[in-house]
C-alpha atoms as a PDB file:
ATOM      1  CA  MET A   1     110.449 132.764  86.226  1.00  0.00           C
ATOM      2  CA  THR A   2     107.108 131.323  87.174  1.00  0.00           C
ATOM      3  CA  ASP A   3     104.238 133.796  87.420  1.00  0.00           C
ATOM      4  CA  ILE A   4     103.582 133.917  91.129  1.00  0.00           C
ATOM      5  CA  PHE A   5      99.814 134.285  90.834  1.00  0.00           C
ATOM      6  CA  GLU A   6      99.590 131.264  88.462  1.00  0.00           C
ATOM      7  CA  ASP A   7     101.239 129.288  91.274  1.00  0.00           C
ATOM      8  CA  ILE A   8      98.439 130.399  93.631  1.00  0.00           C
ATOM      9  CA  LYS A   9      95.829 129.187  91.143  1.00  0.00           C
ATOM     10  CA  LYS A  10      97.440 125.722  91.186  1.00  0.00           C
ATOM     11  CA  ARG A  11      97.299 125.670  94.927  1.00  0.00           C
ATOM     12  CA  LEU A  12      93.624 126.576  94.948  1.00  0.00           C
ATOM     13  CA  ASP A  13      92.929 123.599  92.569  1.00  0.00           C
ATOM     14  CA  LYS A  14      93.885 121.345  95.454  1.00  0.00           C
ATOM     15  CA  ILE A  15      91.084 122.668  97.684  1.00  0.00           C
ATOM     16  CA  ASP A  16      87.432 121.610  97.282  1.00  0.00           C
ATOM     17  CA  LEU A  17      85.938 124.788  96.013  1.00  0.00           C
ATOM     18  CA  SER A  18      82.833 125.617  93.949  1.00  0.00           C
ATOM     19  CA  GLU A  19      83.394 127.624  90.792  1.00  0.00           C
ATOM     20  CA  ASN A  20      81.866 130.644  92.390  1.00  0.00           C
ATOM     21  CA  GLU A  21      84.102 130.336  95.433  1.00  0.00           C
ATOM     22  CA  ARG A  22      87.265 129.917  93.332  1.00  0.00           C
ATOM     23  CA  GLU A  23      86.292 132.954  91.149  1.00  0.00           C
ATOM     24  CA  LEU A  24      85.696 135.090  94.240  1.00  0.00           C
ATOM     25  CA  LEU A  25      89.005 134.155  95.779  1.00  0.00           C
ATOM     26  CA  LEU A  26      90.930 134.929  92.579  1.00  0.00           C
ATOM     27  CA  LYS A  27      89.318 138.260  92.041  1.00  0.00           C
ATOM     28  CA  HIS A  28      90.901 141.297  93.623  1.00  0.00           C
ATOM     29  CA  GLU A  29      88.503 143.933  94.878  1.00  0.00           C
ATOM     30  CA  LYS A  30      90.549 146.926  93.775  1.00  0.00           C
ATOM     31  CA  ILE A  31      93.612 147.386  91.601  1.00  0.00           C
ATOM     32  CA  THR A  32      95.056 150.872  91.363  1.00  0.00           C
ATOM     33  CA  LYS A  33      98.087 151.674  89.254  1.00  0.00           C
ATOM     34  CA  LYS A  34      99.778 155.055  89.194  1.00  0.00           C
ATOM     35  CA  GLU A  35     103.076 156.493  87.881  1.00  0.00           C
ATOM     36  CA  LEU A  36     105.276 158.181  90.394  1.00  0.00           C
ATOM     37  CA  GLU A  37     108.016 160.653  89.482  1.00  0.00           C
ATOM     38  CA  VAL A  38     111.078 160.835  91.851  1.00  0.00           C
ATOM     39  CA  ASN A  39     114.020 163.013  90.990  1.00  0.00           C
ATOM     40  CA  GLY A  40     113.070 163.098  87.338  1.00  0.00           C
ATOM     41  CA  LYS A  41     112.625 159.316  87.116  1.00  0.00           C
ATOM     42  CA  LYS A  42     109.297 157.597  86.679  1.00  0.00           C
ATOM     43  CA  TYR A  43     108.192 154.491  88.411  1.00  0.00           C
ATOM     44  CA  ASP A  44     105.108 152.263  88.131  1.00  0.00           C
ATOM     45  CA  ALA A  45     103.237 151.933  91.440  1.00  0.00           C
ATOM     46  CA  TRP A  46     100.371 149.764  92.641  1.00  0.00           C
ATOM     47  CA  ARG A  47      97.910 149.556  95.528  1.00  0.00           C
ATOM     48  CA  ILE A  48      95.967 146.409  95.474  1.00  0.00           C
ATOM     49  CA  ILE A  49      93.168 145.188  97.795  1.00  0.00           C
ATOM     50  CA  HIS A  50      92.452 141.479  97.478  1.00  0.00           C
ATOM     51  CA  ASN A  51      89.639 140.964  99.921  1.00  0.00           C
ATOM     52  CA  ASN A  52      87.817 142.911 102.664  1.00  0.00           C
ATOM     53  CA  ALA A  53      85.368 140.317 103.868  1.00  0.00           C
ATOM     54  CA  LEU A  54      86.967 139.956 107.339  1.00  0.00           C
ATOM     55  CA  GLY A  55      87.944 143.660 107.655  1.00  0.00           C
ATOM     56  CA  LEU A  56      89.836 146.492 106.057  1.00  0.00           C
ATOM     57  CA  GLY A  57      92.558 145.368 103.710  1.00  0.00           C
ATOM     58  CA  LYS A  58      95.975 145.812 105.327  1.00  0.00           C
ATOM     59  CA  GLY A  59      99.441 145.461 103.943  1.00  0.00           C
ATOM     60  CA  GLY A  60     102.666 147.350 103.503  1.00  0.00           C
ATOM     61  CA  ILE A  61     104.562 148.474 100.408  1.00  0.00           C
ATOM     62  CA  ARG A  62     107.166 146.357  98.570  1.00  0.00           C
ATOM     63  CA  PHE A  63     109.986 148.553  97.323  1.00  0.00           C
ATOM     64  CA  HIS A  64     111.963 146.808  94.658  1.00  0.00           C
ATOM     65  CA  PRO A  65     113.168 147.516  91.072  1.00  0.00           C
ATOM     66  CA  GLY A  66     111.514 144.432  89.720  1.00  0.00           C
ATOM     67  CA  VAL A  67     108.116 144.809  91.423  1.00  0.00           C
ATOM     68  CA  ASN A  68     105.128 144.178  89.114  1.00  0.00           C
ATOM     69  CA  GLU A  69     101.381 143.703  89.249  1.00  0.00           C
ATOM     70  CA  ASP A  70     101.515 139.903  89.370  1.00  0.00           C
ATOM     71  CA  GLU A  71     103.737 140.117  92.505  1.00  0.00           C
ATOM     72  CA  VAL A  72     101.576 142.753  94.272  1.00  0.00           C
ATOM     73  CA  LYS A  73      98.427 140.768  93.509  1.00  0.00           C
ATOM     74  CA  SER A  74     100.047 137.645  95.037  1.00  0.00           C
ATOM     75  CA  LEU A  75     101.283 139.519  98.143  1.00  0.00           C
ATOM     76  CA  SER A  76      97.798 140.940  98.720  1.00  0.00           C
ATOM     77  CA  PHE A  77      96.241 137.488  98.308  1.00  0.00           C
ATOM     78  CA  TRP A  78      98.686 135.981 100.928  1.00  0.00           C
ATOM     79  CA  MET A  79      97.926 138.873 103.303  1.00  0.00           C
ATOM     80  CA  SER A  80      94.229 137.963 103.139  1.00  0.00           C
ATOM     81  CA  LEU A  81      95.185 134.382 104.067  1.00  0.00           C
ATOM     82  CA  LYS A  82      97.494 135.486 106.838  1.00  0.00           C
ATOM     83  CA  THR A  83      94.966 137.713 108.618  1.00  0.00           C
ATOM     84  CA  SER A  84      92.338 135.042 108.258  1.00  0.00           C
ATOM     85  CA  LEU A  85      94.577 132.261 109.535  1.00  0.00           C
ATOM     86  CA  MET A  86      95.502 134.312 112.574  1.00  0.00           C
ATOM     87  CA  GLY A  87      91.880 135.058 113.245  1.00  0.00           C
ATOM     88  CA  ILE A  88      92.223 138.805 113.200  1.00  0.00           C
ATOM     89  CA  PRO A  89      89.469 141.089 111.635  1.00  0.00           C
ATOM     90  CA  LEU A  90      91.461 142.459 108.751  1.00  0.00           C
ATOM     91  CA  GLY A  91      91.534 141.792 105.029  1.00  0.00           C
ATOM     92  CA  GLY A  92      94.484 141.692 102.629  1.00  0.00           C
ATOM     93  CA  GLY A  93      96.151 144.462 100.584  1.00  0.00           C
ATOM     94  CA  LYS A  94      99.610 145.372  99.303  1.00  0.00           C
ATOM     95  CA  GLY A  95     101.385 148.177  97.628  1.00  0.00           C
ATOM     96  CA  GLY A  96     104.433 148.059  95.330  1.00  0.00           C
ATOM     97  CA  VAL A  97     106.944 150.594  93.765  1.00  0.00           C
ATOM     98  CA  SER A  98     110.240 149.666  91.398  1.00  0.00           C
ATOM     99  CA  VAL A  99     112.518 152.238  92.968  1.00  0.00           C
ATOM    100  CA  ASP A 100     116.402 152.003  92.659  1.00  0.00           C
ATOM    101  CA  VAL A 101     117.239 151.197  96.229  1.00  0.00           C
ATOM    102  CA  LEU A 102     119.225 148.420  97.909  1.00  0.00           C
ATOM    103  CA  VAL A 103     116.795 145.903  99.299  1.00  0.00           C
ATOM    104  CA  LEU A 104     118.105 143.220 101.612  1.00  0.00           C
ATOM    105  CA  ALA A 105     115.240 140.775 101.443  1.00  0.00           C
ATOM    106  CA  ALA A 106     114.536 137.307 100.137  1.00  0.00           C
ATOM    107  CA  LEU A 107     112.284 137.157  97.089  1.00  0.00           C
ATOM    108  CA  GLU A 108     109.672 134.669  95.650  1.00  0.00           C
ATOM    109  CA  ASN A 109     110.415 131.461  93.747  1.00  0.00           C
ATOM    110  CA  GLN A 110     113.804 130.578  95.355  1.00  0.00           C
ATOM    111  CA  VAL A 111     113.106 126.885  95.709  1.00  0.00           C
ATOM    112  CA  THR A 112     112.049 125.529  92.343  1.00  0.00           C
ATOM    113  CA  LEU A 113     111.513 122.320  90.297  1.00  0.00           C
ATOM    114  CA  GLU A 114     115.179 122.560  89.337  1.00  0.00           C
ATOM    115  CA  ASN A 115     116.675 122.626  92.910  1.00  0.00           C
ATOM    116  CA  ALA A 116     114.024 121.152  95.237  1.00  0.00           C
ATOM    117  CA  ASP A 117     115.269 117.530  94.994  1.00  0.00           C
ATOM    118  CA  LYS A 118     118.674 118.647  96.269  1.00  0.00           C
ATOM    119  CA  ILE A 119     117.356 119.785  99.595  1.00  0.00           C
ATOM    120  CA  ASN A 120     117.892 117.460 102.455  1.00  0.00           C
ATOM    121  CA  ALA A 121     116.600 119.558 105.369  1.00  0.00           C
ATOM    122  CA  LYS A 122     113.838 117.971 107.628  1.00  0.00           C
ATOM    123  CA  TYR A 123     112.069 121.323 107.978  1.00  0.00           C
ATOM    124  CA  ILE A 124     111.796 124.533 105.963  1.00  0.00           C
ATOM    125  CA  LEU A 125     110.676 127.793 107.588  1.00  0.00           C
ATOM    126  CA  GLU A 126     109.401 130.340 105.096  1.00  0.00           C
ATOM    127  CA  LEU A 127     110.191 133.715 106.404  1.00  0.00           C
ATOM    128  CA  ALA A 128     109.910 135.221 102.893  1.00  0.00           C
ATOM    129  CA  ASN A 129     106.693 135.341 100.870  1.00  0.00           C
ATOM    130  CA  GLY A 130     106.321 132.676  98.225  1.00  0.00           C
ATOM    131  CA  PRO A 131     109.898 131.256  98.243  1.00  0.00           C
ATOM    132  CA  VAL A 132     108.817 127.775  97.239  1.00  0.00           C
ATOM    133  CA  THR A 133     106.980 127.239  93.950  1.00  0.00           C
ATOM    134  CA  TYR A 134     104.080 124.841  93.601  1.00  0.00           C
ATOM    135  CA  ASP A 135     106.025 122.191  91.785  1.00  0.00           C
ATOM    136  CA  ALA A 136     108.828 122.359  94.353  1.00  0.00           C
ATOM    137  CA  ASP A 137     106.315 122.046  97.107  1.00  0.00           C
ATOM    138  CA  GLU A 138     105.128 118.757  95.681  1.00  0.00           C
ATOM    139  CA  ILE A 139     108.645 117.400  95.625  1.00  0.00           C
ATOM    140  CA  LEU A 140     109.382 118.461  99.193  1.00  0.00           C
ATOM    141  CA  PHE A 141     106.166 116.867 100.455  1.00  0.00           C
ATOM    142  CA  SER A 142     106.949 113.619  98.686  1.00  0.00           C
ATOM    143  CA  LYS A 143     110.366 113.582 100.463  1.00  0.00           C
ATOM    144  CA  GLY A 144     108.730 114.068 103.843  1.00  0.00           C
ATOM    145  CA  ILE A 145     110.119 117.574 104.338  1.00  0.00           C
ATOM    146  CA  LYS A 146     107.813 119.734 106.438  1.00  0.00           C
ATOM    147  CA  VAL A 147     107.440 123.247 105.057  1.00  0.00           C
ATOM    148  CA  ILE A 148     106.033 125.796 107.574  1.00  0.00           C
ATOM    149  CA  PRO A 149     104.468 128.054 105.066  1.00  0.00           C
ATOM    150  CA  ASP A 150     104.837 131.831 104.650  1.00  0.00           C
ATOM    151  CA  ILE A 151     101.200 132.695 105.542  1.00  0.00           C
ATOM    152  CA  LEU A 152     101.793 130.932 108.960  1.00  0.00           C
ATOM    153  CA  ALA A 153     105.487 131.438 109.636  1.00  0.00           C
ATOM    154  CA  ASN A 154     105.699 135.226 108.911  1.00  0.00           C
ATOM    155  CA  ALA A 155     102.151 136.305 109.837  1.00  0.00           C
ATOM    156  CA  GLY A 156     103.351 137.671 113.203  1.00  0.00           C
ATOM    157  CA  GLY A 157     103.859 141.104 111.614  1.00  0.00           C
ATOM    158  CA  GLY A 158     100.258 141.219 110.652  1.00  0.00           C
ATOM    159  CA  VAL A 159      99.170 140.325 114.196  1.00  0.00           C
ATOM    160  CA  VAL A 160     101.331 143.078 115.702  1.00  0.00           C
ATOM    161  CA  SER A 161      99.972 145.543 113.186  1.00  0.00           C
ATOM    162  CA  TYR A 162      96.470 144.633 114.375  1.00  0.00           C
ATOM    163  CA  PHE A 163      97.451 145.202 117.953  1.00  0.00           C
ATOM    164  CA  GLU A 164      98.834 148.617 117.041  1.00  0.00           C
ATOM    165  CA  TRP A 165      95.726 149.577 115.063  1.00  0.00           C
ATOM    166  CA  ASP A 166      93.545 148.430 118.009  1.00  0.00           C
ATOM    167  CA  ILE A 167      95.542 150.467 120.437  1.00  0.00           C
ATOM    168  CA  ASN A 168      95.436 153.573 118.333  1.00  0.00           C
ATOM    169  CA  ARG A 169      91.689 153.541 118.120  1.00  0.00           C
ATOM    170  CA  GLY A 170      91.338 153.077 121.849  1.00  0.00           C
ATOM    171  CA  ALA A 171      90.035 149.536 121.785  1.00  0.00           C
ATOM    172  CA  ARG A 172      93.015 147.987 123.518  1.00  0.00           C
ATOM    173  CA  GLU A 173      95.361 149.005 126.295  1.00  0.00           C
ATOM    174  CA  PHE A 174      99.106 148.966 125.791  1.00  0.00           C
ATOM    175  CA  ASP A 175     100.261 146.314 128.186  1.00  0.00           C
ATOM    176  CA  GLN A 176     103.431 144.643 127.023  1.00  0.00           C
ATOM    177  CA  ASP A 177     103.019 141.515 129.123  1.00  0.00           C
ATOM    178  CA  LYS A 178      99.392 140.998 127.930  1.00  0.00           C
ATOM    179  CA  LEU A 179     100.201 141.738 124.375  1.00  0.00           C
ATOM    180  CA  ASN A 180     103.124 139.183 124.451  1.00  0.00           C
ATOM    181  CA  GLU A 181     100.818 136.595 125.973  1.00  0.00           C
ATOM    182  CA  GLU A 182      98.058 137.170 123.365  1.00  0.00           C
ATOM    183  CA  PHE A 183     100.603 137.133 120.519  1.00  0.00           C
ATOM    184  CA  ASN A 184     101.969 133.787 121.654  1.00  0.00           C
ATOM    185  CA  GLU A 185      98.458 132.382 121.991  1.00  0.00           C
ATOM    186  CA  ILE A 186      97.477 133.458 118.447  1.00  0.00           C
ATOM    187  CA  MET A 187     100.655 132.172 116.836  1.00  0.00           C
ATOM    188  CA  THR A 188     100.775 128.873 118.820  1.00  0.00           C
ATOM    189  CA  GLY A 189      97.078 128.308 118.413  1.00  0.00           C
ATOM    190  CA  SER A 190      97.197 128.841 114.649  1.00  0.00           C
ATOM    191  CA  PHE A 191     100.113 126.528 114.263  1.00  0.00           C
ATOM    192  CA  GLU A 192      98.461 123.781 116.306  1.00  0.00           C
ATOM    193  CA  MET A 193      95.263 124.057 114.158  1.00  0.00           C
ATOM    194  CA  VAL A 194      97.271 123.826 110.984  1.00  0.00           C
ATOM    195  CA  TYR A 195      99.429 120.999 112.184  1.00  0.00           C
ATOM    196  CA  ASP A 196      96.496 118.970 113.496  1.00  0.00           C
ATOM    197  CA  LEU A 197      94.578 119.381 110.206  1.00  0.00           C
ATOM    198  CA  GLY A 198      97.639 118.433 108.222  1.00  0.00           C
ATOM    199  CA  GLU A 199      98.066 115.180 110.312  1.00  0.00           C
ATOM    200  CA  GLU A 200      94.455 114.379 110.212  1.00  0.00           C
ATOM    201  CA  LYS A 201      94.072 114.732 106.435  1.00  0.00           C
ATOM    202  CA  LYS A 202      97.710 113.633 105.529  1.00  0.00           C
ATOM    203  CA  ILE A 203      98.280 116.912 103.660  1.00  0.00           C
ATOM    204  CA  SER A 204     101.000 119.429 103.781  1.00  0.00           C
ATOM    205  CA  LEU A 205     101.088 122.288 106.289  1.00  0.00           C
ATOM    206  CA  ARG A 206     100.589 124.777 103.437  1.00  0.00           C
ATOM    207  CA  ASP A 207      97.468 122.950 102.151  1.00  0.00           C
ATOM    208  CA  ALA A 208      96.146 122.823 105.648  1.00  0.00           C
ATOM    209  CA  SER A 209      96.871 126.593 106.132  1.00  0.00           C
ATOM    210  CA  TYR A 210      95.086 127.451 102.876  1.00  0.00           C
ATOM    211  CA  GLU A 211      92.030 125.366 103.819  1.00  0.00           C
ATOM    212  CA  LEU A 212      91.635 126.989 107.202  1.00  0.00           C
ATOM    213  CA  ALA A 213      92.228 130.529 105.982  1.00  0.00           C
ATOM    214  CA  ILE A 214      90.055 130.280 102.885  1.00  0.00           C
ATOM    215  CA  GLU A 215      87.127 128.716 104.761  1.00  0.00           C
ATOM    216  CA  ARG A 216      87.041 131.738 107.161  1.00  0.00           C
ATOM    217  CA  ILE A 217      87.071 134.182 104.221  1.00  0.00           C
ATOM    218  CA  LEU A 218      84.305 132.262 102.407  1.00  0.00           C
ATOM    219  CA  GLU A 219      82.225 132.094 105.594  1.00  0.00           C
ATOM    220  CA  ALA A 220      82.556 135.901 105.841  1.00  0.00           C
ATOM    221  CA  GLU A 221      81.584 136.274 102.209  1.00  0.00           C
ATOM    222  CA  ARG A 222      78.434 134.165 102.846  1.00  0.00           C
ATOM    223  CA  ASP A 223      77.545 136.300 105.808  1.00  0.00           C
ATOM    224  CA  ARG A 224      77.838 139.317 103.578  1.00  0.00           C
ATOM    225  CA  GLY A 225      75.539 137.750 101.008  1.00  0.00           C
ATOM    226  CA  ASN A 226      78.184 137.494  98.367  1.00  0.00           C
ATOM    227  CA  LEU A 227      78.010 133.606  98.229  1.00  0.00           C
ATOM    228  CA  GLU A 228      75.192 131.224  98.642  1.00  0.00           C
END
């Protein structure tokens, strides 16, 4: 199986970045690995923070028997891009634990070089994280298939988490109608920005999403004095 984070590096190669910018984006701020013991069985566990430039690194925990450091690094990177793309003041983090439980969820690398050419859909909506590999993406784009990427399509959970955090710290009132309205504005506005950039530059929606999200992160890093 393709290393997920290696795929991310290929995607960054398509964006006009300086060597310092690329190095910063590929560096995780904190990688913590522990060993957990549950009912006499030992499991590797990770908590990884990718970037805190826009705010505290948020992200849940992936429970799966096959979880590994490469996967958690990738998930934390994507969370940084999701929060940036949605315009919310949070960074990216993720946890992972290989426990023996039944997990009903789609995994990464499901559409690959081997099967991408067989897909005839006009649109692909990525509700899982990283289901389409870099090589498969290139094939789909050449066929005119629009892929609504994971960091845009499934970023709604991060937006709602931000609302919840804001409410808990007393910075926002719980008003269901207002929250629904703001949620729709954020999601729709983000999609429109991505779509317009993709049309303007004749690039995929994923490339447009990456460009927008990464530019916000780099701007925050410059404000912090971490980049010239």
